[in-house]
C-alpha atoms as a PDB file:
ATOM      1  CA  MET A   1     -11.378  12.867  60.242  1.00  0.00           C
ATOM      2  CA  THR A   2     -11.970  15.874  58.003  1.00  0.00           C
ATOM      3  CA  ASP A   3      -9.153  18.330  57.338  1.00  0.00           C
ATOM      4  CA  GLN A   4     -11.040  21.079  59.231  1.00  0.00           C
ATOM      5  CA  LEU A   5     -11.527  18.837  62.249  1.00  0.00           C
ATOM      6  CA  HIS A   6      -7.909  17.660  62.151  1.00  0.00           C
ATOM      7  CA  GLN A   7      -6.577  21.232  62.012  1.00  0.00           C
ATOM      8  CA  ALA A   8      -8.946  22.442  64.732  1.00  0.00           C
ATOM      9  CA  VAL A   9      -7.889  19.657  67.131  1.00  0.00           C
ATOM     10  CA  HIS A  10      -4.204  20.446  66.496  1.00  0.00           C
ATOM     11  CA  LEU A  11      -4.780  23.961  67.899  1.00  0.00           C
ATOM     12  CA  LEU A  12      -4.991  22.398  71.367  1.00  0.00           C
ATOM     13  CA  PRO A  13      -1.550  22.691  73.015  1.00  0.00           C
ATOM     14  CA  MET A  14      -0.564  19.519  74.873  1.00  0.00           C
ATOM     15  CA  PRO A  15       2.280  18.881  77.323  1.00  0.00           C
ATOM     16  CA  VAL A  16       5.007  16.520  76.115  1.00  0.00           C
ATOM     17  CA  THR A  17       5.720  13.944  78.801  1.00  0.00           C
ATOM     18  CA  LEU A  18       7.384  10.606  79.235  1.00  0.00           C
ATOM     19  CA  ILE A  19       5.206   7.962  80.825  1.00  0.00           C
ATOM     20  CA  GLY A  20       7.149   5.294  82.684  1.00  0.00           C
ATOM     21  CA  ALA A  21       6.147   1.899  84.018  1.00  0.00           C
ATOM     22  CA  LYS A  22       8.038  -0.977  85.579  1.00  0.00           C
ATOM     23  CA  ASP A  23       6.841  -4.570  85.653  1.00  0.00           C
ATOM     24  CA  GLY A  24       9.375  -6.854  87.324  1.00  0.00           C
ATOM     25  CA  ASP A  25      12.685  -6.351  85.511  1.00  0.00           C
ATOM     26  CA  GLN A  26      11.030  -4.567  82.577  1.00  0.00           C
ATOM     27  CA  HIS A  27      11.186  -0.752  82.690  1.00  0.00           C
ATOM     28  CA  ASN A  28       9.641   1.119  79.781  1.00  0.00           C
ATOM     29  CA  ILE A  29       9.063   4.757  78.878  1.00  0.00           C
ATOM     30  CA  THR A  30       6.977   6.231  76.100  1.00  0.00           C
ATOM     31  CA  THR A  31       6.152   9.742  74.957  1.00  0.00           C
ATOM     32  CA  ALA A  32       2.615  10.945  75.660  1.00  0.00           C
ATOM     33  CA  ALA A  33       0.938  14.280  75.046  1.00  0.00           C
ATOM     34  CA  TRP A  34      -2.625  13.268  75.860  1.00  0.00           C
ATOM     35  CA  ILE A  35      -2.373  14.032  79.564  1.00  0.00           C
ATOM     36  CA  ASN A  36      -4.215  16.377  81.940  1.00  0.00           C
ATOM     37  CA  GLN A  37      -4.627  17.242  85.591  1.00  0.00           C
ATOM     38  CA  ILE A  38      -8.196  16.335  86.478  1.00  0.00           C
ATOM     39  CA  SER A  39      -8.422  17.015  90.234  1.00  0.00           C
ATOM     40  CA  TRP A  40      -6.734  19.117  92.924  1.00  0.00           C
ATOM     41  CA  ASN A  41      -7.987  17.204  95.930  1.00  0.00           C
ATOM     42  CA  PRO A  42      -6.869  14.528  95.638  1.00  0.00           C
ATOM     43  CA  LEU A  43      -4.275  15.550  93.050  1.00  0.00           C
ATOM     44  CA  GLN A  44      -4.966  13.361  90.020  1.00  0.00           C
ATOM     45  CA  LEU A  45      -3.630  13.128  86.485  1.00  0.00           C
ATOM     46  CA  MET A  46      -5.124  11.330  83.503  1.00  0.00           C
ATOM     47  CA  VAL A  47      -3.105   9.919  80.621  1.00  0.00           C
ATOM     48  CA  SER A  48      -4.592   8.415  77.467  1.00  0.00           C
ATOM     49  CA  ILE A  49      -2.723   5.361  76.123  1.00  0.00           C
ATOM     50  CA  SER A  50      -3.552   3.082  73.196  1.00  0.00           C
ATOM     51  CA  PRO A  51      -3.935  -0.608  74.152  1.00  0.00           C
ATOM     52  CA  GLN A  52      -1.523  -1.335  71.289  1.00  0.00           C
ATOM     53  CA  ARG A  53       1.312   0.340  73.214  1.00  0.00           C
ATOM     54  CA  TYR A  54       3.608  -1.928  75.217  1.00  0.00           C
ATOM     55  CA  ILE A  55       3.351   0.317  78.279  1.00  0.00           C
ATOM     56  CA  HIS A  56      -0.457   0.029  78.364  1.00  0.00           C
ATOM     57  CA  ASP A  57      -0.487  -3.463  79.858  1.00  0.00           C
ATOM     58  CA  MET A  58       2.419  -2.658  82.181  1.00  0.00           C
ATOM     59  CA  ILE A  59       0.379   0.139  83.783  1.00  0.00           C
ATOM     60  CA  ALA A  60      -2.750  -2.026  83.942  1.00  0.00           C
ATOM     61  CA  ARG A  61      -0.836  -4.897  85.620  1.00  0.00           C
ATOM     62  CA  THR A  62       1.209  -2.875  88.132  1.00  0.00           C
ATOM     63  CA  GLY A  63      -1.243  -0.119  89.038  1.00  0.00           C
ATOM     64  CA  GLU A  64       1.330   2.666  88.868  1.00  0.00           C
ATOM     65  CA  PHE A  65       3.073   4.976  86.431  1.00  0.00           C
ATOM     66  CA  MET A  66       5.510   7.883  86.339  1.00  0.00           C
ATOM     67  CA  VAL A  67       4.824  11.136  84.499  1.00  0.00           C
ATOM     68  CA  THR A  68       8.042  12.925  83.533  1.00  0.00           C
ATOM     69  CA  ILE A  69       7.831  16.506  82.265  1.00  0.00           C
ATOM     70  CA  MET A  70      10.256  17.222  79.440  1.00  0.00           C
ATOM     71  CA  GLY A  71      12.232  20.434  78.871  1.00  0.00           C
ATOM     72  CA  GLU A  72      13.127  22.245  75.668  1.00  0.00           C
ATOM     73  CA  GLY A  73      16.423  20.351  75.349  1.00  0.00           C
ATOM     74  CA  ASP A  74      14.607  17.002  75.291  1.00  0.00           C
ATOM     75  CA  ARG A  75      13.143  17.029  71.770  1.00  0.00           C
ATOM     76  CA  ALA A  76      15.321  14.135  70.556  1.00  0.00           C
ATOM     77  CA  THR A  77      14.447  12.055  73.629  1.00  0.00           C
ATOM     78  CA  ALA A  78      10.730  12.730  73.174  1.00  0.00           C
ATOM     79  CA  PHE A  79      10.916  11.768  69.494  1.00  0.00           C
ATOM     80  CA  PHE A  80      12.955   8.608  70.175  1.00  0.00           C
ATOM     81  CA  CYS A  81      10.673   7.380  72.966  1.00  0.00           C
ATOM     82  CA  GLY A  82       7.557   8.071  70.919  1.00  0.00           C
ATOM     83  CA  THR A  83       8.728   6.266  67.783  1.00  0.00           C
ATOM     84  CA  ARG A  84      10.166   3.024  69.203  1.00  0.00           C
ATOM     85  CA  SER A  85       8.482   0.207  71.055  1.00  0.00           C
ATOM     86  CA  GLY A  86       9.705  -0.950  74.431  1.00  0.00           C
ATOM     87  CA  ARG A  87       8.935  -4.499  73.298  1.00  0.00           C
ATOM     88  CA  ASN A  88      12.236  -4.617  71.429  1.00  0.00           C
ATOM     89  CA  THR A  89      14.148  -1.494  72.532  1.00  0.00           C
ATOM     90  CA  ASP A  90      15.562  -0.644  75.955  1.00  0.00           C
ATOM     91  CA  LYS A  91      14.987   3.094  75.550  1.00  0.00           C
ATOM     92  CA  LEU A  92      16.665   4.080  78.820  1.00  0.00           C
ATOM     93  CA  LYS A  93      19.807   2.185  77.863  1.00  0.00           C
ATOM     94  CA  GLU A  94      19.805   3.427  74.251  1.00  0.00           C
ATOM     95  CA  LEU A  95      19.467   7.046  75.395  1.00  0.00           C
ATOM     96  CA  ASN A  96      21.737   6.602  78.409  1.00  0.00           C
ATOM     97  CA  LEU A  97      19.108   8.325  80.589  1.00  0.00           C
ATOM     98  CA  PRO A  98      20.161   8.458  84.243  1.00  0.00           C
ATOM     99  CA  THR A  99      17.462   7.347  86.675  1.00  0.00           C
ATOM    100  CA  GLU A 100      16.967   7.282  90.413  1.00  0.00           C
ATOM    101  CA  PRO A 101      14.511   5.281  92.523  1.00  0.00           C
ATOM    102  CA  GLY A 102      10.977   6.549  92.873  1.00  0.00           C
ATOM    103  CA  GLU A 103      10.026   7.755  96.333  1.00  0.00           C
ATOM    104  CA  VAL A 104       6.753   5.814  96.581  1.00  0.00           C
ATOM    105  CA  ILE A 105       6.361   3.646  93.469  1.00  0.00           C
ATOM    106  CA  ALA A 106       8.647   1.069  91.829  1.00  0.00           C
ATOM    107  CA  VAL A 107       9.029   3.109  88.636  1.00  0.00           C
ATOM    108  CA  PRO A 108      12.357   5.004  88.556  1.00  0.00           C
ATOM    109  CA  ARG A 109      12.452   8.759  88.063  1.00  0.00           C
ATOM    110  CA  ILE A 110      14.340  10.346  85.157  1.00  0.00           C
ATOM    111  CA  LYS A 111      17.096  12.185  87.011  1.00  0.00           C
ATOM    112  CA  ASP A 112      17.544  15.275  84.792  1.00  0.00           C
ATOM    113  CA  ALA A 113      13.843  15.917  84.064  1.00  0.00           C
ATOM    114  CA  LEU A 114      12.005  19.117  84.945  1.00  0.00           C
ATOM    115  CA  ALA A 115       9.619  17.098  87.091  1.00  0.00           C
ATOM    116  CA  ASN A 116       8.611  13.545  87.893  1.00  0.00           C
ATOM    117  CA  LEU A 117       5.146  12.762  89.235  1.00  0.00           C
ATOM    118  CA  GLU A 118       4.633   9.337  90.791  1.00  0.00           C
ATOM    119  CA  CYS A 119       1.096   8.111  90.192  1.00  0.00           C
ATOM    120  CA  LYS A 120      -0.882   5.272  91.729  1.00  0.00           C
ATOM    121  CA  LEU A 121      -3.626   4.039  89.432  1.00  0.00           C
ATOM    122  CA  VAL A 122      -7.100   4.916  90.703  1.00  0.00           C
ATOM    123  CA  LYS A 123      -9.192   3.973  87.705  1.00  0.00           C
ATOM    124  CA  SER A 124      -8.933   3.035  84.056  1.00  0.00           C
ATOM    125  CA  ILE A 125     -11.637   3.797  81.525  1.00  0.00           C
ATOM    126  CA  VAL A 126     -11.823   2.578  77.943  1.00  0.00           C
ATOM    127  CA  SER A 127     -12.707   5.563  75.763  1.00  0.00           C
ATOM    128  CA  GLY A 128     -12.818   5.011  72.016  1.00  0.00           C
ATOM    129  CA  ASP A 129      -9.526   3.518  70.857  1.00  0.00           C
ATOM    130  CA  HIS A 130      -7.594   4.474  74.027  1.00  0.00           C
ATOM    131  CA  THR A 131      -7.604   3.739  77.752  1.00  0.00           C
ATOM    132  CA  LEU A 132      -7.703   6.649  80.178  1.00  0.00           C
ATOM    133  CA  PHE A 133      -5.480   5.875  83.151  1.00  0.00           C
ATOM    134  CA  ILE A 134      -6.322   8.051  86.153  1.00  0.00           C
ATOM    135  CA  GLY A 135      -3.582   8.215  88.742  1.00  0.00           C
ATOM    136  CA  GLU A 136      -3.340   9.915  92.110  1.00  0.00           C
ATOM    137  CA  VAL A 137      -0.036  11.738  92.491  1.00  0.00           C
ATOM    138  CA  ALA A 138       1.689  10.118  95.485  1.00  0.00           C
ATOM    139  CA  ALA A 139       5.039  11.943  95.248  1.00  0.00           C
ATOM    140  CA  ALA A 140       6.851  14.372  92.962  1.00  0.00           C
ATOM    141  CA  ASP A 141      10.096  16.205  92.378  1.00  0.00           C
ATOM    142  CA  TYR A 142      10.700  19.480  90.573  1.00  0.00           C
ATOM    143  CA  LYS A 143      13.786  21.207  89.243  1.00  0.00           C
ATOM    144  CA  LYS A 144      13.849  24.767  88.007  1.00  0.00           C
ATOM    145  CA  GLY A 145      15.140  24.651  84.476  1.00  0.00           C
ATOM    146  CA  PRO A 146      14.265  25.153  80.840  1.00  0.00           C
ATOM    147  CA  ARG A 147      10.758  25.718  79.593  1.00  0.00           C
ATOM    148  CA  PRO A 148       8.586  22.622  79.157  1.00  0.00           C
ATOM    149  CA  LEU A 149       7.978  21.024  75.779  1.00  0.00           C
ATOM    150  CA  VAL A 150       4.514  21.319  74.270  1.00  0.00           C
ATOM    151  CA  LEU A 151       3.001  19.647  71.214  1.00  0.00           C
ATOM    152  CA  TRP A 152       1.177  22.233  69.119  1.00  0.00           C
ATOM    153  CA  GLN A 153       0.073  21.830  65.501  1.00  0.00           C
ATOM    154  CA  GLY A 154       2.239  18.722  65.193  1.00  0.00           C
ATOM    155  CA  GLU A 155       5.422  20.496  66.370  1.00  0.00           C
ATOM    156  CA  LEU A 156       7.387  20.283  69.607  1.00  0.00           C
ATOM    157  CA  ILE A 157       7.640  23.845  70.904  1.00  0.00           C
ATOM    158  CA  THR A 158       8.169  25.595  74.240  1.00  0.00           C
ATOM    159  CA  ILE A 159       5.952  28.095  76.002  1.00  0.00           C
END
Protein backbone atom coordinates (compact mmCIF):
# COMPACT_ATOMS: atom_id res chain seq x y z
CA MET A 1 0.00 0.00 0.00
CA THR A 2 1.44 3.38 -0.96
CA ASP A 3 1.87 6.08 1.68
CA GLN A 4 -0.79 8.24 -0.04
CA LEU A 5 -3.28 5.38 -0.08
CA HIS A 6 -2.51 4.46 3.53
CA GLN A 7 -3.01 8.05 4.73
CA ALA A 8 -6.18 8.51 2.68
CA VAL A 9 -7.77 5.34 4.11
CA HIS A 10 -6.90 6.45 7.66
CA LEU A 11 -9.10 9.54 7.16
CA LEU A 12 -12.14 7.26 7.43
CA PRO A 13 -13.41 7.39 11.04
CA MET A 14 -14.40 3.95 12.34
CA PRO A 15 -16.30 2.97 15.49
CA VAL A 16 -14.30 1.08 18.11
CA THR A 17 -16.26 -1.97 19.23
CA LEU A 18 -15.75 -5.23 21.04
CA ILE A 19 -16.96 -8.27 19.15
CA GLY A 20 -17.95 -11.16 21.39
CA ALA A 21 -18.61 -14.81 20.66
CA LYS A 22 -19.27 -17.85 22.82
CA ASP A 23 -18.69 -21.43 21.75
CA GLY A 24 -19.52 -23.88 24.54
CA ASP A 25 -17.49 -22.81 27.58
CA GLN A 26 -15.23 -20.53 25.52
CA HIS A 27 -16.16 -16.83 25.58
CA ASN A 28 -13.93 -14.47 23.63
CA ILE A 29 -13.93 -10.76 22.83
CA THR A 30 -11.80 -8.84 20.37
CA THR A 31 -11.56 -5.22 19.31
CA ALA A 32 -12.91 -4.40 15.85
CA ALA A 33 -13.24 -1.11 14.01
CA TRP A 34 -14.21 -2.47 10.61
CA ILE A 35 -17.94 -2.51 11.30
CA ASN A 36 -20.97 -0.83 9.69
CA GLN A 37 -24.75 -0.80 9.71
CA ILE A 38 -25.81 -2.07 6.31
CA SER A 39 -29.63 -2.23 6.53
CA TRP A 40 -32.50 -0.66 8.48
CA ASN A 41 -35.14 -3.25 7.67
CA PRO A 42 -34.14 -5.73 8.82
CA LEU A 43 -31.56 -4.03 11.04
CA GLN A 44 -28.22 -5.55 10.04
CA LEU A 45 -24.59 -4.95 10.94
CA MET A 46 -21.48 -6.14 9.14
CA VAL A 47 -18.14 -6.79 10.82
CA SER A 48 -14.93 -7.66 9.00
CA ILE A 49 -12.74 -10.24 10.78
CA SER A 50 -9.50 -11.88 9.66
CA PRO A 51 -9.66 -15.71 9.51
CA GLN A 52 -6.45 -15.66 11.57
CA ARG A 53 -8.36 -14.28 14.57
CA TYR A 54 -9.53 -16.80 17.17
CA ILE A 55 -13.02 -15.28 17.23
CA HIS A 56 -13.48 -15.79 13.47
CA ASP A 57 -14.16 -19.52 13.73
CA MET A 58 -16.26 -19.07 16.87
CA ILE A 59 -18.66 -16.80 14.97
CA ALA A 60 -18.69 -19.12 11.95
CA ARG A 61 -19.47 -22.18 14.14
CA THR A 62 -22.11 -20.63 16.42
CA GLY A 63 -23.88 -18.27 14.02
CA GLU A 64 -24.03 -15.38 16.47
CA PHE A 65 -21.98 -12.50 17.82
CA MET A 66 -22.25 -9.51 20.14
CA VAL A 67 -21.26 -5.98 19.13
CA THR A 68 -20.35 -3.85 22.15
CA ILE A 69 -19.93 -0.10 21.68
CA MET A 70 -17.08 1.34 23.71
CA GLY A 71 -17.00 4.71 25.50
CA GLU A 72 -14.20 7.21 25.94
CA GLY A 73 -13.09 5.62 29.23
CA ASP A 74 -12.51 2.26 27.52
CA ARG A 75 -9.27 2.96 25.63
CA ALA A 76 -7.21 0.53 27.72
CA THR A 77 -9.83 -2.21 27.30
CA ALA A 78 -9.96 -1.66 23.54
CA PHE A 79 -6.17 -1.80 23.29
CA PHE A 80 -5.90 -4.91 25.50
CA CYS A 81 -8.59 -6.84 23.62
CA GLY A 82 -7.12 -5.90 20.25
CA THR A 83 -3.55 -6.92 21.08
CA ARG A 84 -4.05 -10.31 22.78
CA SER A 85 -5.41 -13.55 21.42
CA GLY A 86 -8.29 -15.33 23.09
CA ARG A 87 -6.50 -18.59 22.29
CA ASN A 88 -4.28 -18.12 25.34
CA THR A 89 -5.82 -15.20 27.27
CA ASP A 90 -9.16 -15.03 29.08
CA LYS A 91 -9.66 -11.33 28.34
CA LEU A 92 -12.85 -10.98 30.38
CA LYS A 93 -11.14 -12.44 33.44
CA GLU A 94 -7.92 -10.45 32.95
CA LEU A 95 -9.86 -7.19 32.65
CA ASN A 96 -12.42 -8.14 35.29
CA LEU A 97 -15.22 -7.08 32.90
CA PRO A 98 -18.66 -7.68 34.39
CA THR A 99 -21.09 -9.43 32.05
CA GLU A 100 -24.75 -10.33 32.03
CA PRO A 101 -26.63 -12.87 29.91
CA GLY A 102 -27.66 -11.91 26.41
CA GLU A 103 -31.38 -11.53 25.87
CA VAL A 104 -31.57 -13.66 22.71
CA ILE A 105 -28.13 -15.13 22.00
CA ALA A 106 -25.71 -17.16 24.14
CA VAL A 107 -23.02 -14.46 24.06
CA PRO A 108 -22.98 -12.41 27.29
CA ARG A 109 -23.32 -8.64 27.21
CA ILE A 110 -20.63 -6.36 28.68
CA LYS A 111 -22.52 -4.81 31.59
CA ASP A 112 -21.00 -1.29 31.66
CA ALA A 113 -20.86 -0.72 27.88
CA LEU A 114 -22.63 2.11 26.07
CA ALA A 115 -24.53 -0.46 24.03
CA ASN A 116 -24.64 -4.15 23.24
CA LEU A 117 -26.17 -5.40 19.99
CA GLU A 118 -26.98 -9.10 19.78
CA CYS A 119 -26.54 -10.37 16.23
CA LYS A 120 -27.63 -13.58 14.55
CA LEU A 121 -25.45 -14.44 11.58
CA VAL A 122 -27.27 -14.05 8.27
CA LYS A 123 -24.40 -14.45 5.85
CA SER A 124 -20.63 -14.56 5.68
CA ILE A 125 -18.65 -13.43 2.66
CA VAL A 126 -14.93 -13.86 2.07
CA SER A 127 -13.58 -10.53 0.83
CA GLY A 128 -9.84 -10.27 0.27
CA ASP A 129 -8.01 -11.29 3.44
CA HIS A 130 -11.07 -10.93 5.72
CA THR A 131 -14.52 -12.45 6.19
CA LEU A 132 -17.52 -10.14 6.31
CA PHE A 133 -19.98 -11.41 8.90
CA ILE A 134 -23.46 -9.98 8.38
CA GLY A 135 -25.69 -10.22 11.41
CA GLU A 136 -29.30 -9.27 12.02
CA VAL A 137 -29.69 -7.39 15.29
CA ALA A 138 -32.04 -9.51 17.42
CA ALA A 139 -31.83 -7.49 20.66
CA ALA A 140 -29.94 -4.53 22.10
CA ASP A 141 -29.40 -2.44 25.19
CA TYR A 142 -28.31 1.18 25.47
CA LYS A 143 -27.04 3.32 28.31
CA LYS A 144 -26.62 7.06 28.11
CA GLY A 145 -23.03 7.78 28.96
CA PRO A 146 -19.72 9.00 27.62
CA ARG A 147 -19.04 9.62 23.97
CA PRO A 148 -18.18 6.57 21.86
CA LEU A 149 -14.63 5.71 20.88
CA VAL A 150 -13.63 6.12 17.25
CA LEU A 151 -10.47 5.07 15.42
CA TRP A 152 -9.22 7.93 13.27
CA GLN A 153 -5.75 8.25 11.74
CA GLY A 154 -4.52 5.41 13.95
CA GLU A 155 -5.69 7.07 17.20
CA LEU A 156 -8.55 6.28 19.55
CA ILE A 157 -10.56 9.49 19.86
CA THR A 158 -14.12 10.51 20.74
CA ILE A 159 -16.63 12.44 18.69
